[in-house]
Amino acid sequence: MEIILKTDIKGLGYKNDLVDVKPGYGRNYLIPQGFAVLATGSNKKILAENIKQAAHKAEKIKTEAENIAAKLAEVTLEIKAKIGDSGKIFGKVTTLQISDALATQGFDIDRKKIAITTPVEGAGEFTAEVDLHREVKTKVKFVVVGE
């Protein structure tokens, strides 16, 4: 089943992508939730027109994302966590904590666009991947320290 995505969906595609999904997934979840529309002939023409009109705006957004990525590459965040005697942390470091730490540095990035690439098991330096744009991804360093 071919559909056109209305929003970015992790693991499937980005807004305005034409993707193939299983019929049940498209009919029962994506279309009713408003995440996608059927890829009919008329919807494909509308999509092509929208892409043509949005090309200029998209270039500006991509440039902004590249500028933010350059600034993020220089930033090292400090995340506080409770650490036991063995050196392991209690609980875990979440993308929400990284998002909040980025907000204190002046970056407004949604937690859903952040992915922790390596499991955080103790104090030390780790990296998280930030998806700023469909073509712009960057890594941000964070250090886990004891409270």
Protein backbone atom coordinates (compact mmCIF):
# COMPACT_ATOMS: atom_id res chain seq x y z
CA MET A 1 0.00 0.00 0.00
CA GLU A 2 1.48 3.35 -1.03
CA ILE A 3 0.94 6.32 1.27
CA ILE A 4 2.18 9.90 1.57
CA LEU A 5 3.42 10.85 5.05
CA LYS A 6 2.08 14.05 6.59
CA THR A 7 4.54 14.03 9.50
CA ASP A 8 7.97 12.60 10.29
CA ILE A 9 7.68 9.04 11.60
CA LYS A 10 10.76 7.49 13.13
CA GLY A 11 11.81 4.34 11.31
CA LEU A 12 9.44 4.94 8.39
CA GLY A 13 10.17 8.28 6.74
CA TYR A 14 9.87 12.03 6.73
CA LYS A 15 7.07 14.42 5.88
CA ASN A 16 6.00 14.30 2.19
CA ASP A 17 7.75 10.96 1.58
CA LEU A 18 6.02 8.38 -0.60
CA VAL A 19 6.40 5.04 1.24
CA ASP A 20 5.11 1.49 0.95
CA VAL A 21 3.57 0.02 4.09
CA LYS A 22 1.52 -3.04 4.89
CA PRO A 23 -2.18 -2.38 4.27
CA GLY A 24 -3.22 -2.92 7.89
CA TYR A 25 -0.62 -0.49 9.23
CA GLY A 26 -1.72 2.17 6.76
CA ARG A 27 -5.49 1.69 7.06
CA ASN A 28 -5.71 1.08 10.81
CA TYR A 29 -3.05 3.37 12.22
CA LEU A 30 -1.34 5.89 9.91
CA ILE A 31 -4.39 7.23 8.04
CA PRO A 32 -6.84 7.40 11.01
CA GLN A 33 -4.23 9.11 13.20
CA GLY A 34 -3.67 11.73 10.49
CA PHE A 35 -0.04 10.73 9.93
CA ALA A 36 -0.57 9.84 6.26
CA VAL A 37 -2.91 9.95 3.25
CA LEU A 38 -3.45 7.42 0.47
CA ALA A 39 -1.14 7.93 -2.50
CA THR A 40 -3.80 8.38 -5.19
CA GLY A 41 -3.09 10.13 -8.47
CA SER A 42 -4.57 13.43 -7.32
CA ASN A 43 -2.74 13.31 -3.97
CA LYS A 44 0.55 12.66 -5.81
CA LYS A 45 -0.05 15.76 -7.98
CA ILE A 46 -0.81 17.85 -4.90
CA LEU A 47 2.36 16.50 -3.25
CA ALA A 48 4.48 17.42 -6.29
CA GLU A 49 3.08 20.97 -6.27
CA ASN A 50 3.65 21.32 -2.53
CA ILE A 51 7.23 20.10 -2.83
CA LYS A 52 7.90 22.58 -5.64
CA GLN A 53 6.56 25.46 -3.55
CA ALA A 54 8.35 24.36 -0.39
CA ALA A 55 11.79 23.89 -2.00
CA HIS A 56 12.92 27.42 -1.16
CA LYS A 57 11.69 27.21 2.43
CA ALA A 58 13.31 23.80 2.85
CA GLU A 59 16.72 25.15 1.84
CA LYS A 60 16.44 27.88 4.47
CA ILE A 61 15.41 25.37 7.13
CA LYS A 62 18.29 23.07 6.17
CA THR A 63 20.77 25.95 6.46
CA GLU A 64 19.43 26.77 9.93
CA ALA A 65 19.74 23.09 10.93
CA GLU A 66 23.35 23.00 9.70
CA ASN A 67 24.15 26.10 11.76
CA ILE A 68 22.61 24.54 14.87
CA ALA A 69 24.53 21.29 14.17
CA ALA A 70 27.81 23.20 14.02
CA LYS A 71 27.07 24.81 17.39
CA LEU A 72 25.95 21.50 18.94
CA ALA A 73 29.18 19.78 17.90
CA GLU A 74 31.11 22.14 20.18
CA VAL A 75 28.82 21.68 23.21
CA THR A 76 29.43 19.18 26.02
CA LEU A 77 26.53 18.69 28.38
CA GLU A 78 26.71 17.70 32.02
CA ILE A 79 24.03 15.27 33.22
CA LYS A 80 23.77 14.59 36.94
CA ALA A 81 22.76 11.12 38.11
CA LYS A 82 22.89 9.15 41.34
CA ILE A 83 25.81 6.74 41.23
CA GLY A 84 26.24 3.75 43.52
CA ASP A 85 29.41 2.42 45.16
CA SER A 86 30.06 0.08 42.22
CA GLY A 87 30.10 2.99 39.77
CA LYS A 88 26.77 2.19 38.13
CA ILE A 89 23.99 4.74 37.96
CA PHE A 90 20.57 4.31 39.51
CA GLY A 91 17.91 4.52 36.83
CA LYS A 92 19.05 5.73 33.46
CA VAL A 93 19.84 8.85 31.48
CA THR A 94 16.90 9.75 29.25
CA THR A 95 16.50 11.89 26.17
CA LEU A 96 14.35 14.22 28.29
CA GLN A 97 17.33 14.99 30.52
CA ILE A 98 19.49 15.69 27.47
CA SER A 99 16.76 17.89 25.98
CA ASP A 100 16.51 19.86 29.25
CA ALA A 101 20.30 20.25 29.40
CA LEU A 102 20.29 21.53 25.81
CA ALA A 103 17.52 23.98 26.73
CA THR A 104 19.71 25.45 29.49
CA GLN A 105 22.43 25.94 26.84
CA GLY A 106 19.94 27.79 24.61
CA PHE A 107 18.96 24.99 22.18
CA ASP A 108 15.27 24.14 21.81
CA ILE A 109 15.32 20.53 20.61
CA ASP A 110 12.48 18.07 21.08
CA ARG A 111 13.37 14.93 23.03
CA LYS A 112 11.93 12.76 20.26
CA LYS A 113 14.68 13.96 17.92
CA ILE A 114 17.40 12.74 20.30
CA ALA A 115 18.68 9.15 20.40
CA ILE A 116 21.24 7.85 22.89
CA THR A 117 23.56 5.68 20.79
CA THR A 118 25.39 3.78 23.54
CA PRO A 119 23.89 2.46 26.77
CA VAL A 120 24.72 4.65 29.75
CA GLU A 121 25.69 2.40 32.65
CA GLY A 122 27.95 4.60 34.74
CA ALA A 123 29.78 7.88 34.99
CA GLY A 124 31.74 8.98 31.95
CA GLU A 125 31.48 10.61 28.54
CA PHE A 126 28.85 9.46 26.06
CA THR A 127 27.28 10.65 22.81
CA ALA A 128 23.73 11.12 21.64
CA GLU A 129 22.56 11.58 18.07
CA VAL A 130 20.33 14.56 17.29
CA ASP A 131 18.16 14.48 14.15
CA LEU A 132 17.72 18.15 13.22
CA HIS A 133 16.59 17.70 9.60
CA ARG A 134 16.14 14.84 7.18
CA GLU A 135 19.67 15.48 5.86
CA VAL A 136 21.27 16.97 8.97
CA LYS A 137 22.19 14.74 11.90
CA THR A 138 24.79 15.53 14.50
CA LYS A 139 26.25 14.05 17.64
CA VAL A 140 26.25 15.82 20.97
CA LYS A 141 28.59 14.84 23.79
CA PHE A 142 27.37 14.53 27.35
CA VAL A 143 29.16 13.68 30.56
CA VAL A 144 27.42 11.76 33.33
CA VAL A 145 28.56 12.89 36.78
CA GLY A 146 27.50 11.89 40.28
CA GLU A 147 25.22 14.08 42.36
